[in-house]
Amino acid sequence: MRMKGEHYRFPAFAIRTLVKRGAFLVIQVGNRMYIVRDVFADYMQKGGEAFIASH
C-alpha cells in the first residue's frame, strides 16, 4: 500500500481506509493485501463510480 501511495501521491492511510471499506478489489493472502494496479488506477481516475462494493 505504501508503494501505491508513493506512486500516485496518495496517503497510505487513505488507501488502507478504502481497502477496509471495500472500495475496490484486492487480493488477500493471509494478513497481506495486494492491490491490483489496473483496478487502483481505474479507481483513482473514476473516483469509484465503476465499482459497487457488496458485503
N, C-alpha and C. Protein backbone atom coordinates (compact mmCIF):
# COMPACT_ATOMS: atom_id res chain seq x y z
N MET A 1 0.82 -1.19 0.00
CA MET A 1 0.00 0.00 0.00
C MET A 1 0.86 1.25 0.00
N ARG A 2 1.96 1.16 0.69
CA ARG A 2 2.85 2.31 0.75
C ARG A 2 3.40 2.64 -0.63
N MET A 3 3.74 1.60 -1.40
CA MET A 3 4.30 1.82 -2.73
C MET A 3 3.28 2.46 -3.66
N LYS A 4 2.02 2.03 -3.58
CA LYS A 4 0.97 2.62 -4.40
C LYS A 4 0.76 4.08 -4.03
N GLY A 5 0.78 4.35 -2.74
CA GLY A 5 0.60 5.72 -2.28
C GLY A 5 1.69 6.63 -2.78
N GLU A 6 2.93 6.15 -2.77
CA GLU A 6 4.04 6.95 -3.25
C GLU A 6 3.94 7.17 -4.76
N HIS A 7 3.53 6.13 -5.48
CA HIS A 7 3.43 6.24 -6.94
C HIS A 7 2.34 7.23 -7.36
N TYR A 8 1.20 7.19 -6.68
CA TYR A 8 0.07 8.05 -7.04
C TYR A 8 0.01 9.31 -6.19
N ARG A 9 0.98 9.50 -5.30
CA ARG A 9 1.00 10.65 -4.38
C ARG A 9 -0.30 10.72 -3.59
N PHE A 10 -0.65 9.59 -3.00
CA PHE A 10 -1.88 9.41 -2.23
C PHE A 10 -1.47 8.83 -0.89
N PRO A 11 -1.97 9.34 0.23
CA PRO A 11 -1.55 8.85 1.54
C PRO A 11 -1.86 7.37 1.75
N ALA A 12 -0.92 6.64 2.33
CA ALA A 12 -1.09 5.21 2.56
C ALA A 12 -2.25 4.94 3.51
N PHE A 13 -2.46 5.81 4.52
CA PHE A 13 -3.57 5.58 5.44
C PHE A 13 -4.91 5.70 4.73
N ALA A 14 -4.99 6.55 3.71
CA ALA A 14 -6.23 6.70 2.95
C ALA A 14 -6.49 5.44 2.12
N ILE A 15 -5.43 4.85 1.58
CA ILE A 15 -5.57 3.61 0.82
C ILE A 15 -6.05 2.49 1.74
N ARG A 16 -5.48 2.41 2.95
CA ARG A 16 -5.91 1.40 3.91
C ARG A 16 -7.40 1.55 4.25
N THR A 17 -7.83 2.79 4.42
CA THR A 17 -9.24 3.06 4.73
C THR A 17 -10.13 2.61 3.58
N LEU A 18 -9.74 2.90 2.36
CA LEU A 18 -10.52 2.49 1.19
C LEU A 18 -10.60 0.98 1.08
N VAL A 19 -9.49 0.30 1.37
CA VAL A 19 -9.48 -1.17 1.32
C VAL A 19 -10.42 -1.74 2.38
N LYS A 20 -10.40 -1.18 3.59
CA LYS A 20 -11.28 -1.66 4.65
C LYS A 20 -12.75 -1.45 4.31
N ARG A 21 -13.05 -0.36 3.60
CA ARG A 21 -14.42 -0.08 3.18
C ARG A 21 -14.87 -0.96 2.03
N GLY A 22 -13.91 -1.61 1.37
CA GLY A 22 -14.25 -2.42 0.20
C GLY A 22 -14.45 -1.58 -1.04
N ALA A 23 -13.75 -0.47 -1.12
CA ALA A 23 -13.92 0.46 -2.23
C ALA A 23 -13.47 -0.12 -3.57
N PHE A 24 -12.48 -1.00 -3.54
CA PHE A 24 -12.02 -1.65 -4.77
C PHE A 24 -11.48 -3.03 -4.41
N LEU A 25 -11.37 -3.87 -5.42
CA LEU A 25 -10.95 -5.25 -5.21
C LEU A 25 -9.47 -5.34 -4.84
N VAL A 26 -9.17 -6.21 -3.90
CA VAL A 26 -7.80 -6.52 -3.53
C VAL A 26 -7.66 -8.03 -3.46
N ILE A 27 -6.44 -8.50 -3.52
CA ILE A 27 -6.14 -9.92 -3.34
C ILE A 27 -5.56 -10.07 -1.94
N GLN A 28 -6.21 -10.90 -1.13
CA GLN A 28 -5.77 -11.08 0.24
C GLN A 28 -5.18 -12.47 0.41
N VAL A 29 -3.95 -12.51 0.91
CA VAL A 29 -3.26 -13.76 1.20
C VAL A 29 -2.79 -13.67 2.65
N GLY A 30 -3.44 -14.40 3.53
CA GLY A 30 -3.10 -14.29 4.94
C GLY A 30 -3.47 -12.91 5.45
N ASN A 31 -2.50 -12.23 6.05
CA ASN A 31 -2.77 -10.87 6.52
C ASN A 31 -2.24 -9.81 5.56
N ARG A 32 -1.76 -10.23 4.39
CA ARG A 32 -1.29 -9.29 3.39
C ARG A 32 -2.37 -9.03 2.36
N MET A 33 -2.43 -7.79 1.89
CA MET A 33 -3.37 -7.43 0.84
C MET A 33 -2.60 -6.85 -0.33
N TYR A 34 -2.91 -7.35 -1.49
CA TYR A 34 -2.25 -6.90 -2.71
C TYR A 34 -3.26 -6.14 -3.55
N ILE A 35 -2.89 -4.95 -3.95
CA ILE A 35 -3.76 -4.12 -4.76
C ILE A 35 -3.41 -4.35 -6.23
N VAL A 36 -4.43 -4.62 -7.03
CA VAL A 36 -4.24 -4.78 -8.47
C VAL A 36 -4.04 -3.39 -9.06
N ARG A 37 -2.91 -3.20 -9.70
CA ARG A 37 -2.52 -1.88 -10.19
C ARG A 37 -3.55 -1.26 -11.12
N ASP A 38 -4.08 -2.04 -12.07
CA ASP A 38 -5.05 -1.51 -13.02
C ASP A 38 -6.36 -1.11 -12.33
N VAL A 39 -6.79 -1.91 -11.37
CA VAL A 39 -8.02 -1.61 -10.65
C VAL A 39 -7.86 -0.34 -9.83
N PHE A 40 -6.72 -0.19 -9.17
CA PHE A 40 -6.49 1.01 -8.36
C PHE A 40 -6.38 2.24 -9.25
N ALA A 41 -5.69 2.13 -10.38
CA ALA A 41 -5.57 3.27 -11.30
C ALA A 41 -6.94 3.68 -11.82
N ASP A 42 -7.77 2.69 -12.14
CA ASP A 42 -9.12 2.98 -12.62
C ASP A 42 -9.94 3.66 -11.52
N TYR A 43 -9.78 3.19 -10.29
CA TYR A 43 -10.49 3.81 -9.17
C TYR A 43 -10.05 5.26 -9.00
N MET A 44 -8.78 5.52 -9.11
CA MET A 44 -8.27 6.88 -8.95
C MET A 44 -8.79 7.80 -10.05
N GLN A 45 -8.92 7.30 -11.26
CA GLN A 45 -9.39 8.13 -12.37
C GLN A 45 -10.89 8.39 -12.30
N LYS A 46 -11.66 7.36 -11.96
CA LYS A 46 -13.12 7.48 -12.00
C LYS A 46 -13.73 7.80 -10.64
N GLY A 47 -12.95 7.75 -9.60
CA GLY A 47 -13.48 8.09 -8.28
C GLY A 47 -14.37 7.03 -7.67
N GLY A 48 -14.28 5.80 -8.17
CA GLY A 48 -15.02 4.70 -7.58
C GLY A 48 -16.42 4.51 -8.11
N GLU A 49 -16.81 5.24 -9.13
CA GLU A 49 -18.17 5.11 -9.63
C GLU A 49 -18.40 3.84 -10.43
N ALA A 50 -17.33 3.17 -10.89
CA ALA A 50 -17.48 1.96 -11.69
C ALA A 50 -17.67 0.71 -10.84
N PHE A 51 -17.19 0.71 -9.61
CA PHE A 51 -17.23 -0.49 -8.76
C PHE A 51 -18.19 -0.27 -7.61
N ILE A 52 -19.12 -1.20 -7.42
CA ILE A 52 -20.04 -1.13 -6.31
C ILE A 52 -19.71 -2.29 -5.38
N ALA A 53 -19.25 -1.97 -4.19
CA ALA A 53 -18.86 -2.99 -3.23
C ALA A 53 -20.10 -3.62 -2.62
N SER A 54 -20.06 -4.94 -2.48
CA SER A 54 -21.15 -5.64 -1.81
C SER A 54 -20.57 -6.48 -0.69
N HIS A 55 -21.19 -6.43 0.47
CA HIS A 55 -20.67 -7.14 1.64
C HIS A 55 -21.44 -8.41 1.87
